[in-house]
Amino acid sequence: MAELSDVDVLVVGAGPVGLTLANILGLQGISVLVVEERDTLIDYPRGVGLDDESLRTFQSIGLVDAVLPHTVPNQILRFFDGRRRLLAEMAPADACFGWPKRNGFVQPLVDAELLRGLDRFDHVRVRWGQAMTGCTETAQGLSVQLGESTQIRARYLVGCDGGRSMTRRLMGVSFDGTTSATRWLVIDLANDPLGHPNSEVGADPARPYASISIAHGIRRFEFMIHPGETDEQAQDPDFVAAMLAPFVPHPRDVDVIRHRVYTHHSRIAGAFRRGRMMLAGDAAHLMPVWQGQGYNSGIRDAANLGWKLTAVVRGQAGAELLDSYDTERRKHARAMIDLSTMVGRVISPTDRRVAALRDGLIRAASAVPTLKRYVLEMRFKPMPRYEQGAVVHDGPARSDAPAGTLFIQPRVDTRTAQAVLLDDVLGAGFAVLAWNNNPRTVLGETAFARWKALGTGFIAVRPLTQLHWTAPGESDDPDVTIVGDRTGELKSWFDRHTESVLFLRPDRCIAAACVAQRAPETSAGLVEVLALTAQGGDRPDGTDLNGPVLHVPQSAAESAGTAP
């Protein structure tokens, strides 16, 4: 039986989640093998919406500039009733995480950019036409069988292999939830016959539908299939033309990329981790399409898990840190599933009386300005908030406590650059950010040295008026980057919170926050919770599977050669 060289992490599945995770690990010098049973990337659209969190993750791996040409930023989504009267509109204007909240996109082209990103790394490989057929845990890690004749040893395995995940089956993990009895016909068209940027969902009791504008002249239509209509009937070109006829002037004169019937699933795995094996993306959770969060939830998985695997494989943290992946991602994935399922139930009634009652309630709510803004600005979207996991809360839990939430990303100035996105200043690892103070001073030399050894970035935030000021007789701290609050958004954030020192994880979640004087004790508590260690690691034999230590870029921009 042939044996490939050992790797730190085996990723099963070359979809967007597996490719994103491989890029995150590759940037940090972790050796990765991605295996995919298909012979190439899927070449037809599936997901159609990217959110700001996913774009922020693509920014962190140095690929956002390659992804953006395949997106439609600030996509507006309108909901109509059966008489095509507006019920509600989602058009969030703010970009608190640095990117628009709603973006149409062409998934095959974005996935291709994620795949090309792996060409940057000699220590990341992709093998096509290679299915995982077995996995056994050994004293050194995992022995994984690929096909009939190939084996590989890996420290960890992440199954990003979809709803029918082989990884999940090998882990012996349940996939709990439901599959809707309702079927939908999806039709993807090239050379968009409508051409406008509008996207809409029709809550029409006669036949609920969706019409979504995607980049590069692609439009998606989705239509509910009634119980008396067969799958074979729905695939017939005459049926497809009949579905398009109310929306397209010449429904038979369209360029069909594909059309197929599918059902919606609301499922979540019984565990996201078993020992050295983990699940991410559709292998861990499936949800209806109505909030466009299936793709984005998988990217969140990769962002959450990537830095933790890096820390454990490098020996910077104990393996128990990986337990926080399930703890943190499960609750949020469940919330997204529930929201998507609920929206589907609101859209889908075919009973006209039920639909009329729904329409009346939505219009009544829209008459209330606060409720209208709640929908318009997508405030209903569940945001990650970790009460437990790789976070430390300073005192009793509070609804306004910043720990466990994502930090904002405005544009800032440094001494050498202007209008830079904050994450590009923070670097690729942990960061300690302080308003109106030097992080070294508030931490103390011992804690500062410990965080520095982990490759942490240190940021002193000031009003823009103080950016270039240095106290008389003093020199700037070479380990601390001074940032000017260009837009005022950082001061506004600190105005709303009493905490002035933030410990940021590589995924830009606030791991801990405190007032300046409590920074040393908060730091100590966080080091304990994160299972951080100065040395050691997860290689029982003490060997380094990567060979020599690799240079780790301080930011994705440096890796891409675009750092200011």
Protein backbone atom coordinates (compact mmCIF):
# COMPACT_ATOMS: atom_id res chain seq x y z
CA MET A 1 0.00 0.00 0.00
CA ALA A 2 1.44 3.38 -1.04
CA GLU A 3 2.07 5.91 1.72
CA LEU A 4 2.18 9.68 1.31
CA SER A 5 4.35 11.87 3.53
CA ASP A 6 2.95 12.90 6.89
CA VAL A 7 0.96 16.12 7.25
CA ASP A 8 -0.26 18.16 10.16
CA VAL A 9 -3.84 18.46 8.92
CA LEU A 10 -5.78 16.43 6.37
CA VAL A 11 -8.75 18.33 4.93
CA VAL A 12 -11.39 16.13 3.31
CA GLY A 13 -13.31 18.08 0.69
CA ALA A 14 -12.17 20.83 -1.70
CA GLY A 15 -15.26 22.97 -1.43
CA PRO A 16 -15.17 26.57 -0.15
CA VAL A 17 -14.85 25.57 3.51
CA GLY A 18 -11.99 23.13 2.98
CA LEU A 19 -10.16 25.53 0.67
CA THR A 20 -10.58 28.45 3.10
CA LEU A 21 -9.33 26.34 6.00
CA ALA A 22 -6.34 25.18 3.93
CA ASN A 23 -5.48 28.81 3.14
CA ILE A 24 -5.71 29.80 6.81
CA LEU A 25 -3.42 26.95 7.85
CA GLY A 26 -1.11 27.42 4.88
CA LEU A 27 -0.48 31.06 5.81
CA GLN A 28 0.65 29.90 9.23
CA GLY A 29 3.10 27.31 7.93
CA ILE A 30 0.97 24.26 8.79
CA SER A 31 1.40 21.35 6.36
CA VAL A 32 -1.95 20.42 4.78
CA LEU A 33 -3.24 17.85 2.33
CA VAL A 34 -6.66 18.50 0.79
CA VAL A 35 -8.32 15.42 -0.74
CA GLU A 36 -11.41 15.58 -2.94
CA GLU A 37 -13.28 12.66 -4.49
CA ARG A 38 -14.35 14.79 -7.45
CA ASP A 39 -11.93 15.36 -10.30
CA THR A 40 -12.29 19.16 -10.21
CA LEU A 41 -14.18 22.02 -8.60
CA ILE A 42 -17.95 22.13 -9.05
CA ASP A 43 -18.49 24.50 -11.98
CA TYR A 44 -22.09 25.65 -11.45
CA PRO A 45 -23.48 28.23 -8.97
CA ARG A 46 -24.69 26.96 -5.60
CA GLY A 47 -24.40 29.63 -2.92
CA VAL A 48 -25.39 33.09 -4.18
CA GLY A 49 -24.76 35.39 -1.19
CA LEU A 50 -21.58 36.42 0.65
CA ASP A 51 -21.75 38.38 3.88
CA ASP A 52 -19.32 40.78 5.51
CA GLU A 53 -17.87 38.16 7.83
CA SER A 54 -16.88 35.91 4.92
CA LEU A 55 -15.26 38.80 3.06
CA ARG A 56 -13.37 39.66 6.24
CA THR A 57 -12.08 36.09 6.37
CA PHE A 58 -11.02 36.27 2.71
CA GLN A 59 -9.24 39.51 3.59
CA SER A 60 -7.38 37.70 6.37
CA ILE A 61 -6.01 35.13 3.92
CA GLY A 62 -4.94 37.75 1.38
CA LEU A 63 -7.52 36.82 -1.27
CA VAL A 64 -10.27 39.41 -0.95
CA ASP A 65 -8.99 41.46 -3.90
CA ALA A 66 -9.21 38.35 -6.07
CA VAL A 67 -12.73 37.57 -4.82
CA LEU A 68 -14.28 41.03 -5.12
CA PRO A 69 -14.51 41.06 -8.97
CA HIS A 70 -16.96 38.15 -8.68
CA THR A 71 -19.33 39.96 -6.29
CA VAL A 72 -22.20 42.46 -6.38
CA PRO A 73 -21.76 44.62 -3.25
CA ASN A 74 -24.67 46.02 -1.22
CA GLN A 75 -27.22 43.74 -2.79
CA ILE A 76 -30.79 44.75 -1.94
CA LEU A 77 -33.35 42.00 -1.33
CA ARG A 78 -37.05 42.82 -1.55
CA PHE A 79 -39.97 40.67 -0.42
CA PHE A 80 -43.25 40.87 -2.36
CA ASP A 81 -46.73 39.50 -1.76
CA GLY A 82 -48.83 37.55 -4.27
CA ARG A 83 -49.93 40.78 -5.99
CA ARG A 84 -46.32 41.92 -6.26
CA ARG A 85 -46.67 44.60 -3.61
CA LEU A 86 -43.64 45.31 -1.45
CA LEU A 87 -43.75 43.67 1.97
CA ALA A 88 -40.23 44.30 3.25
CA GLU A 89 -36.75 45.23 2.09
CA MET A 90 -33.28 44.33 3.33
CA ALA A 91 -30.66 46.94 2.44
CA PRO A 92 -28.15 47.25 5.28
CA ALA A 93 -25.99 50.31 4.70
CA ASP A 94 -23.34 50.04 7.41
CA ALA A 95 -20.12 48.08 7.05
CA CYS A 96 -18.92 47.79 10.64
CA PHE A 97 -16.71 44.80 9.82
CA GLY A 98 -15.11 46.56 6.86
CA TRP A 99 -17.26 45.09 4.08
CA PRO A 100 -20.87 45.27 2.83
CA LYS A 101 -23.28 43.00 4.68
CA ARG A 102 -24.95 41.59 1.56
CA ASN A 103 -23.06 40.63 -1.61
CA GLY A 104 -24.19 38.56 -4.57
CA PHE A 105 -21.42 36.32 -5.92
CA VAL A 106 -20.57 33.57 -8.38
CA GLN A 107 -19.49 30.66 -6.22
CA PRO A 108 -17.47 28.64 -8.80
CA LEU A 109 -15.31 31.69 -9.58
CA VAL A 110 -14.76 32.53 -5.91
CA ASP A 111 -13.96 28.90 -5.11
CA ALA A 112 -11.43 28.96 -7.95
CA GLU A 113 -9.68 31.94 -6.34
CA LEU A 114 -9.53 30.06 -3.04
CA LEU A 115 -7.96 27.12 -4.86
CA ARG A 116 -5.42 29.35 -6.63
CA GLY A 117 -4.51 30.82 -3.26
CA LEU A 118 -3.05 27.47 -2.24
CA ASP A 119 -0.43 27.77 -4.99
CA ARG A 120 1.39 30.17 -2.65
CA PHE A 121 2.36 27.34 -0.30
CA ASP A 122 4.80 24.50 -0.92
CA HIS A 123 3.48 22.81 2.23
CA VAL A 124 -0.17 22.63 1.03
CA ARG A 125 -1.20 20.07 -1.59
CA VAL A 126 -4.50 19.12 -3.26
CA ARG A 127 -5.25 15.62 -4.56
CA TRP A 128 -8.26 15.23 -6.87
CA GLY A 129 -10.22 12.04 -7.51
CA GLN A 130 -9.19 10.78 -4.08
CA ALA A 131 -11.89 9.59 -1.66
CA MET A 132 -11.26 8.89 2.00
CA THR A 133 -12.33 5.31 2.72
CA GLY A 134 -11.12 4.73 6.25
CA CYS A 135 -9.46 6.28 9.29
CA THR A 136 -7.79 4.78 12.37
CA GLU A 137 -6.39 6.62 15.38
CA THR A 138 -2.85 5.68 16.37
CA ALA A 139 -0.44 6.77 19.10
CA GLN A 140 1.04 9.34 16.70
CA GLY A 141 -2.23 10.65 15.27
CA LEU A 142 -4.45 9.32 12.48
CA SER A 143 -3.82 6.74 9.80
CA VAL A 144 -6.11 7.59 6.90
CA GLN A 145 -6.85 5.40 3.92
CA LEU A 146 -7.42 7.12 0.57
CA GLY A 147 -9.02 4.99 -2.11
CA GLU A 148 -7.90 1.36 -2.10
CA SER A 149 -4.14 1.67 -1.97
CA THR A 150 -2.94 4.90 -0.34
CA GLN A 151 -2.41 5.76 3.30
CA ILE A 152 -1.39 8.98 4.99
CA ARG A 153 -0.60 9.93 8.56
CA ALA A 154 -2.09 13.16 9.85
CA ARG A 155 -2.20 14.84 13.24
CA TYR A 156 -5.74 16.09 12.65
CA LEU A 157 -8.48 15.57 10.11
CA VAL A 158 -11.23 18.05 9.23
CA GLY A 159 -14.20 16.77 7.24
CA CYS A 160 -15.48 19.48 4.90
CA ASP A 161 -17.13 16.84 2.76
CA GLY A 162 -20.73 17.99 2.62
CA GLY A 163 -24.09 16.78 3.82
CA ARG A 164 -23.31 13.13 3.01
CA SER A 165 -20.02 13.39 4.89
CA MET A 166 -17.90 10.24 5.10
CA THR A 167 -15.99 11.90 7.93
CA ARG A 168 -19.16 12.25 9.98
CA ARG A 169 -19.96 8.57 9.41
CA LEU A 170 -16.47 7.47 10.43
CA MET A 171 -16.80 9.60 13.57
CA GLY A 172 -20.09 7.86 14.38
CA VAL A 173 -21.86 11.20 14.77
CA SER A 174 -25.59 11.73 14.29
CA PHE A 175 -27.06 14.33 11.91
CA ASP A 176 -30.10 15.57 13.78
CA GLY A 177 -32.97 17.58 12.34
CA THR A 178 -35.47 17.47 9.52
CA THR A 179 -35.75 17.50 5.76
CA SER A 180 -38.61 19.52 4.33
CA ALA A 181 -41.21 17.71 2.23
CA THR A 182 -41.40 20.78 0.00
CA ARG A 183 -39.38 20.66 -3.22
CA TRP A 184 -37.96 23.60 -5.15
CA LEU A 185 -36.87 23.99 -8.75
CA VAL A 186 -33.67 26.04 -9.14
CA ILE A 187 -32.85 27.52 -12.54
CA ASP A 188 -29.56 29.31 -13.17
CA LEU A 189 -29.42 31.48 -16.29
CA ALA A 190 -26.45 33.07 -18.07
CA ASN A 191 -26.87 36.35 -19.96
CA ASP A 192 -29.39 37.57 -17.38
CA PRO A 193 -32.65 38.13 -19.32
CA LEU A 194 -33.65 40.85 -16.84
CA GLY A 195 -30.25 42.46 -16.38
CA HIS A 196 -31.09 44.67 -13.42
CA PRO A 197 -29.34 44.29 -10.02
CA ASN A 198 -32.57 43.69 -8.12
CA SER A 199 -33.20 40.49 -6.18
CA GLU A 200 -36.55 39.49 -4.78
CA VAL A 201 -38.46 36.81 -2.95
CA GLY A 202 -42.11 36.38 -3.82
CA ALA A 203 -44.31 35.19 -0.95
CA ASP A 204 -46.99 34.27 -3.50
CA PRO A 205 -49.42 31.62 -2.22
CA ALA A 206 -50.00 30.49 -5.83
CA ARG A 207 -46.30 29.60 -6.12
CA PRO A 208 -43.59 31.11 -3.88
CA TYR A 209 -40.47 32.06 -5.83
CA ALA A 210 -37.11 33.85 -5.71
CA SER A 211 -35.24 35.83 -8.36
CA ILE A 212 -31.63 36.57 -7.45
CA SER A 213 -29.17 38.69 -9.43
CA ILE A 214 -25.64 37.30 -9.37
CA ALA A 215 -22.43 38.75 -10.79
CA HIS A 216 -21.29 38.37 -14.41
CA GLY A 217 -24.79 38.29 -15.90
CA ILE A 218 -26.06 35.25 -14.00
CA ARG A 219 -29.56 35.15 -12.50
CA ARG A 220 -31.09 32.46 -10.33
CA PHE A 221 -34.80 31.66 -10.18
CA GLU A 222 -36.31 29.31 -7.61
CA PHE A 223 -39.89 28.05 -7.67
CA MET A 224 -41.80 25.89 -5.23
CA ILE A 225 -42.94 22.57 -6.74
CA HIS A 226 -46.49 21.61 -5.78
CA PRO A 227 -47.25 18.12 -4.41
CA GLY A 228 -48.95 16.99 -7.62
CA GLU A 229 -45.96 17.92 -9.78
CA THR A 230 -43.29 15.25 -10.26
CA ASP A 231 -39.52 15.74 -10.35
CA GLU A 232 -39.52 14.54 -13.95
CA GLN A 233 -42.16 17.11 -14.87
CA ALA A 234 -40.16 19.89 -13.19
CA GLN A 235 -37.12 19.00 -15.29
CA ASP A 236 -39.05 19.29 -18.57
CA PRO A 237 -38.09 22.35 -20.70
CA ASP A 238 -41.76 23.23 -21.16
CA PHE A 239 -42.26 23.31 -17.39
CA VAL A 240 -39.13 25.44 -16.95
CA ALA A 241 -40.38 27.88 -19.58
CA ALA A 242 -43.79 28.05 -17.88
CA MET A 243 -42.14 28.93 -14.57
CA LEU A 244 -40.10 31.71 -16.17
CA ALA A 245 -42.95 33.13 -18.27
CA PRO A 246 -44.35 35.58 -15.64
CA PHE A 247 -40.89 37.15 -15.22
CA VAL A 248 -39.01 36.82 -18.52
CA PRO A 249 -40.29 38.28 -21.82
CA HIS A 250 -39.05 35.32 -23.89
CA PRO A 251 -38.85 32.35 -21.50
CA ARG A 252 -37.77 29.87 -24.18
CA ASP A 253 -34.96 32.09 -25.39
CA VAL A 254 -32.73 31.83 -22.29
CA ASP A 255 -29.28 30.37 -21.62
CA VAL A 256 -29.81 27.73 -18.94
CA ILE A 257 -26.69 26.87 -16.95
CA ARG A 258 -28.53 24.17 -15.04
CA HIS A 259 -31.89 23.37 -13.52
CA ARG A 260 -32.60 20.84 -10.83
CA VAL A 261 -35.03 19.97 -8.05
CA TYR A 262 -33.89 20.03 -4.44
CA THR A 263 -35.25 20.03 -0.90
CA HIS A 264 -34.28 22.06 2.16
CA HIS A 265 -32.58 20.48 5.15
CA SER A 266 -32.37 21.74 8.74
CA ARG A 267 -29.77 19.51 10.35
CA ILE A 268 -26.84 19.73 12.74
CA ALA A 269 -24.23 17.12 13.69
CA GLY A 270 -24.37 15.62 17.17
CA ALA A 271 -20.72 16.65 17.68
CA PHE A 272 -18.32 18.82 15.70
CA ARG A 273 -15.27 17.10 17.21
CA ARG A 274 -14.35 13.57 18.19
CA GLY A 275 -10.71 13.32 19.23
CA ARG A 276 -8.52 14.28 16.28
CA MET A 277 -11.40 14.43 13.79
CA MET A 278 -13.59 17.49 13.23
CA LEU A 279 -16.46 18.57 10.98
CA ALA A 280 -16.98 21.89 9.23
CA GLY A 281 -19.44 23.38 6.75
CA ASP A 282 -22.28 21.24 5.40
CA ALA A 283 -20.76 18.18 7.06
CA ALA A 284 -21.55 19.84 10.40
CA HIS A 285 -24.80 21.68 9.58
CA LEU A 286 -27.31 22.17 6.79
CA MET A 287 -29.88 24.97 6.59
CA PRO A 288 -32.49 26.28 4.15
CA VAL A 289 -31.35 28.87 1.65
CA TRP A 290 -33.56 31.77 2.73
CA GLN A 291 -30.92 33.75 4.60
CA GLY A 292 -28.05 32.79 2.29
CA GLN A 293 -26.09 31.57 5.31
CA GLY A 294 -25.12 28.01 4.42
CA TYR A 295 -21.93 29.08 2.62
CA ASN A 296 -21.17 31.82 5.15
CA SER A 297 -21.67 29.55 8.14
CA GLY A 298 -19.08 27.19 6.72
CA ILE A 299 -16.59 30.04 6.27
CA ARG A 300 -17.20 30.95 9.93
CA ASP A 301 -16.33 27.37 10.86
CA ALA A 302 -13.02 27.63 8.99
CA ALA A 303 -12.16 30.98 10.60
CA ASN A 304 -12.97 29.68 14.09
CA LEU A 305 -11.17 26.37 13.72
CA GLY A 306 -8.16 27.51 11.68
CA TRP A 307 -6.38 29.55 14.35
CA LYS A 308 -7.08 26.94 17.02
CA LEU A 309 -5.59 24.12 14.95
CA THR A 310 -2.61 26.36 14.22
CA ALA A 311 -2.01 27.06 17.91
CA VAL A 312 -2.30 23.37 18.87
CA VAL A 313 -0.14 22.01 16.04
CA ARG A 314 2.54 24.64 16.68
CA GLY A 315 2.61 23.80 20.35
CA GLN A 316 1.33 27.20 21.45
CA ALA A 317 -1.79 25.70 23.06
CA GLY A 318 -2.98 22.41 24.46
CA ALA A 319 -5.33 20.18 22.46
CA GLU A 320 -8.19 21.07 24.83
CA LEU A 321 -8.45 24.40 23.00
CA LEU A 322 -10.13 22.48 20.17
CA ASP A 323 -13.09 21.70 22.43
CA SER A 324 -14.06 25.37 22.16
CA TYR A 325 -14.74 24.92 18.42
CA ASP A 326 -17.88 22.89 19.09
CA THR A 327 -18.81 25.04 22.08
CA GLU A 328 -18.69 28.27 20.08
CA ARG A 329 -19.89 27.26 16.64
CA ARG A 330 -22.78 24.97 17.61
CA LYS A 331 -25.00 27.64 19.20
CA HIS A 332 -24.52 30.10 16.35
CA ALA A 333 -25.02 27.48 13.63
CA ARG A 334 -28.19 26.35 15.39
CA ALA A 335 -29.45 29.95 15.50
CA MET A 336 -28.81 30.34 11.75
CA ILE A 337 -30.64 27.09 11.01
CA ASP A 338 -33.62 28.20 13.08
CA LEU A 339 -33.74 31.64 11.44
CA SER A 340 -33.49 30.21 7.91
CA THR A 341 -36.18 27.63 8.70
CA MET A 342 -38.47 30.29 10.15
CA VAL A 343 -38.06 32.60 7.14
CA GLY A 344 -38.86 29.69 4.84
CA ARG A 345 -42.07 29.04 6.75
CA VAL A 346 -43.03 32.70 6.46
CA ILE A 347 -42.43 32.74 2.70
CA SER A 348 -43.94 29.39 1.79
CA PRO A 349 -47.65 29.26 2.83
CA THR A 350 -49.88 28.31 -0.10
CA ASP A 351 -53.12 28.85 1.85
CA ARG A 352 -54.36 32.28 0.76
CA ARG A 353 -55.94 33.05 4.14
CA VAL A 354 -52.72 32.27 5.97
CA ALA A 355 -50.76 34.33 3.43
CA ALA A 356 -53.16 37.29 3.82
CA LEU A 357 -52.78 37.19 7.62
CA ARG A 358 -48.98 37.08 7.25
CA ASP A 359 -49.02 40.03 4.82
CA GLY A 360 -51.13 42.07 7.21
CA LEU A 361 -48.81 41.40 10.14
CA ILE A 362 -45.71 42.30 8.11
CA ARG A 363 -47.27 45.56 6.88
CA ALA A 364 -48.34 46.48 10.41
CA ALA A 365 -44.80 45.86 11.65
CA SER A 366 -43.37 47.92 8.76
CA ALA A 367 -45.43 50.89 9.92
CA VAL A 368 -43.34 50.99 13.12
CA PRO A 369 -40.04 52.77 12.31
CA THR A 370 -37.94 50.74 14.74
CA LEU A 371 -39.28 47.44 13.38
CA LYS A 372 -38.80 48.60 9.81
CA ARG A 373 -35.14 49.46 10.53
CA TYR A 374 -34.78 46.12 12.28
CA VAL A 375 -35.56 44.35 8.99
CA LEU A 376 -33.95 46.90 6.65
CA GLU A 377 -30.62 46.77 8.50
CA MET A 378 -30.75 43.00 9.07
CA ARG A 379 -30.55 43.38 12.83
CA PHE A 380 -32.37 40.07 13.13
CA LYS A 381 -29.31 38.22 11.85
CA PRO A 382 -27.77 36.28 14.77
CA MET A 383 -24.27 37.54 15.46
CA PRO A 384 -21.63 35.40 17.15
CA ARG A 385 -21.60 35.98 20.91
CA TYR A 386 -19.65 33.44 22.92
CA GLU A 387 -20.56 33.10 26.58
CA GLN A 388 -18.32 30.04 26.82
CA GLY A 389 -15.34 28.74 24.92
CA ALA A 390 -12.04 30.46 24.18
CA VAL A 391 -13.10 33.67 25.92
CA VAL A 392 -12.82 35.28 29.35
CA HIS A 393 -15.60 37.43 30.76
CA ASP A 394 -14.62 40.17 33.20
CA GLY A 395 -17.22 39.68 35.91
CA PRO A 396 -20.87 38.57 35.65
CA ALA A 397 -22.32 38.21 32.17
CA ARG A 398 -23.78 41.43 30.73
CA SER A 399 -25.75 41.91 27.53
CA ASP A 400 -23.42 44.76 26.54
CA ALA A 401 -20.18 42.97 27.45
CA PRO A 402 -17.77 43.04 24.49
CA ALA A 403 -15.96 39.76 25.25
CA GLY A 404 -17.13 36.99 22.96
CA THR A 405 -18.22 39.33 20.13
CA LEU A 406 -16.54 40.31 16.87
CA PHE A 407 -14.60 43.56 16.96
CA ILE A 408 -15.30 46.25 14.39
CA GLN A 409 -12.99 46.95 11.45
CA PRO A 410 -12.89 50.61 10.42
CA ARG A 411 -10.23 52.20 8.24
CA VAL A 412 -7.42 53.74 10.27
CA ASP A 413 -4.18 55.67 9.78
CA THR A 414 -0.75 54.59 10.94
CA ARG A 415 2.47 56.59 11.00
CA THR A 416 3.25 55.26 7.51
CA ALA A 417 -0.11 54.55 5.83
CA GLN A 418 -3.57 56.05 5.51
CA ALA A 419 -7.05 54.54 5.28
CA VAL A 420 -5.87 50.99 6.06
CA LEU A 421 -8.38 48.38 7.19
CA LEU A 422 -7.73 47.68 10.85
CA ASP A 423 -7.18 43.91 10.47
CA ASP A 424 -4.30 44.57 8.09
CA VAL A 425 -2.63 46.54 10.88
CA LEU A 426 -3.38 43.98 13.60
CA GLY A 427 -1.53 41.18 11.80
CA ALA A 428 -2.46 37.54 11.35
CA GLY A 429 -2.31 36.35 14.97
CA PHE A 430 -3.44 37.54 18.37
CA ALA A 431 -3.55 41.27 19.05
CA VAL A 432 -3.72 43.43 22.15
CA LEU A 433 -5.34 46.78 21.48
CA ALA A 434 -5.51 49.63 23.97
CA TRP A 435 -7.23 52.99 23.76
CA ASN A 436 -5.21 55.90 25.17
CA ASN A 437 -2.47 53.63 26.57
CA ASN A 438 0.63 51.71 25.57
CA PRO A 439 -0.17 47.96 25.73
CA ARG A 440 3.31 47.25 27.14
CA THR A 441 2.73 49.60 30.03
CA VAL A 442 -0.71 48.28 31.01
CA LEU A 443 0.28 44.61 30.60
CA GLY A 444 3.62 44.78 32.38
CA GLU A 445 6.83 43.32 30.99
CA THR A 446 6.13 39.69 31.93
CA ALA A 447 2.72 39.46 30.27
CA PHE A 448 3.90 41.57 27.34
CA ALA A 449 6.82 39.21 26.72
CA ARG A 450 4.55 36.16 26.85
CA TRP A 451 2.14 37.58 24.26
CA LYS A 452 5.05 38.77 22.12
CA ALA A 453 6.45 35.22 22.06
CA LEU A 454 3.14 34.12 20.50
CA GLY A 455 3.57 36.60 17.66
CA THR A 456 0.97 39.01 19.03
CA GLY A 457 0.47 42.44 17.51
CA PHE A 458 0.29 45.40 19.91
CA ILE A 459 -1.81 48.42 18.97
CA ALA A 460 -2.09 51.78 20.72
CA VAL A 461 -5.19 53.60 19.43
CA ARG A 462 -5.31 57.40 19.59
CA PRO A 463 -7.47 60.19 18.24
CA LEU A 464 -6.19 61.11 14.79
CA THR A 465 -4.97 64.45 16.16
CA GLN A 466 -2.39 62.58 18.30
CA LEU A 467 -1.15 60.15 15.67
CA HIS A 468 2.27 61.74 15.16
CA TRP A 469 2.80 62.99 18.71
CA THR A 470 5.65 61.62 20.84
CA ALA A 471 6.25 62.69 24.43
CA PRO A 472 9.29 64.97 24.87
CA GLY A 473 12.41 63.00 25.72
CA GLU A 474 10.80 59.66 24.82
CA SER A 475 10.98 57.41 21.78
CA ASP A 476 8.30 55.24 20.27
CA ASP A 477 7.98 51.61 21.40
CA PRO A 478 9.31 49.49 18.51
CA ASP A 479 6.91 46.65 19.37
CA VAL A 480 3.77 48.80 19.41
CA THR A 481 1.96 50.19 16.37
CA ILE A 482 0.33 53.56 16.87
CA VAL A 483 -3.02 53.89 15.14
CA GLY A 484 -4.98 57.06 14.48
CA ASP A 485 -8.77 56.83 14.66
CA ARG A 486 -9.37 58.14 11.15
CA THR A 487 -13.18 57.83 11.07
CA GLY A 488 -14.00 58.19 14.76
CA GLU A 489 -15.58 54.72 14.80
CA LEU A 490 -13.06 53.37 17.30
CA LYS A 491 -13.72 56.17 19.79
CA SER A 492 -17.46 55.63 19.33
CA TRP A 493 -16.97 51.95 20.14
CA PHE A 494 -14.99 52.75 23.29
CA ASP A 495 -17.54 55.44 24.20
CA ARG A 496 -20.14 52.66 24.41
CA HIS A 497 -18.00 50.40 26.61
CA THR A 498 -16.10 50.86 29.85
CA GLU A 499 -13.39 48.40 28.76
CA SER A 500 -10.33 50.04 27.18
CA VAL A 501 -7.96 47.08 26.65
CA LEU A 502 -8.96 44.32 24.24
CA PHE A 503 -7.39 40.92 23.64
CA LEU A 504 -8.30 39.94 20.08
CA ARG A 505 -8.14 36.41 18.72
CA PRO A 506 -6.88 35.75 15.19
CA ASP A 507 -10.51 35.46 14.03
CA ARG A 508 -11.05 38.99 15.44
CA CYS A 509 -13.35 37.86 18.20
CA ILE A 510 -12.73 39.76 21.45
CA ALA A 511 -11.30 37.05 23.70
CA ALA A 512 -11.20 39.33 26.75
CA ALA A 513 -11.67 43.00 27.61
CA CYS A 514 -10.98 45.06 30.70
CA VAL A 515 -10.11 48.48 32.08
CA ALA A 516 -6.43 49.29 31.83
CA GLN A 517 -5.47 48.54 35.43
CA ARG A 518 -6.85 45.01 35.22
CA ALA A 519 -4.91 44.06 32.09
CA PRO A 520 -2.30 41.84 33.85
CA GLU A 521 -4.85 39.66 35.65
CA THR A 522 -7.15 39.49 32.59
CA SER A 523 -4.15 38.42 30.53
CA ALA A 524 -3.31 35.65 33.00
CA GLY A 525 -6.88 34.39 32.99
CA LEU A 526 -7.00 34.32 29.21
CA VAL A 527 -3.70 32.44 28.93
CA GLU A 528 -5.19 29.77 31.20
CA VAL A 529 -8.50 29.51 29.31
CA LEU A 530 -6.78 29.30 25.93
CA ALA A 531 -4.47 26.57 27.26
CA LEU A 532 -1.54 28.62 25.98
CA THR A 533 1.93 27.25 26.51
CA ALA A 534 5.40 28.50 25.72
CA GLN A 535 6.55 25.21 24.23
CA GLY A 536 5.59 21.58 23.76
CA GLY A 537 2.90 20.85 21.25
CA ASP A 538 0.80 18.06 19.91
CA ARG A 539 3.54 15.98 18.33
CA PRO A 540 4.01 13.13 20.84
CA ASP A 541 7.38 12.12 19.38
CA GLY A 542 8.66 15.69 19.46
CA THR A 543 9.27 15.81 15.71
CA ASP A 544 8.51 18.75 13.47
CA LEU A 545 6.54 17.49 10.48
CA ASN A 546 7.23 20.72 8.62
CA GLY A 547 10.97 20.61 8.96
CA PRO A 548 12.55 24.04 9.52
CA VAL A 549 10.40 26.72 11.11
CA LEU A 550 8.71 28.79 8.41
CA HIS A 551 8.45 32.55 8.34
CA VAL A 552 4.90 33.44 9.33
CA PRO A 553 3.60 36.64 7.69
CA GLN A 554 2.43 39.30 10.11
CA SER A 555 -0.52 39.96 7.83
CA ALA A 556 -2.22 38.52 4.80
CA ALA A 557 -1.12 41.62 2.90
CA GLU A 558 2.53 40.73 3.54
CA SER A 559 1.91 37.21 2.27
CA ALA A 560 0.37 38.59 -0.91
CA GLY A 561 3.19 41.07 -1.32
CA THR A 562 0.93 44.10 -0.84
CA ALA A 563 1.74 45.22 2.67
CA PRO A 564 2.13 49.01 2.97
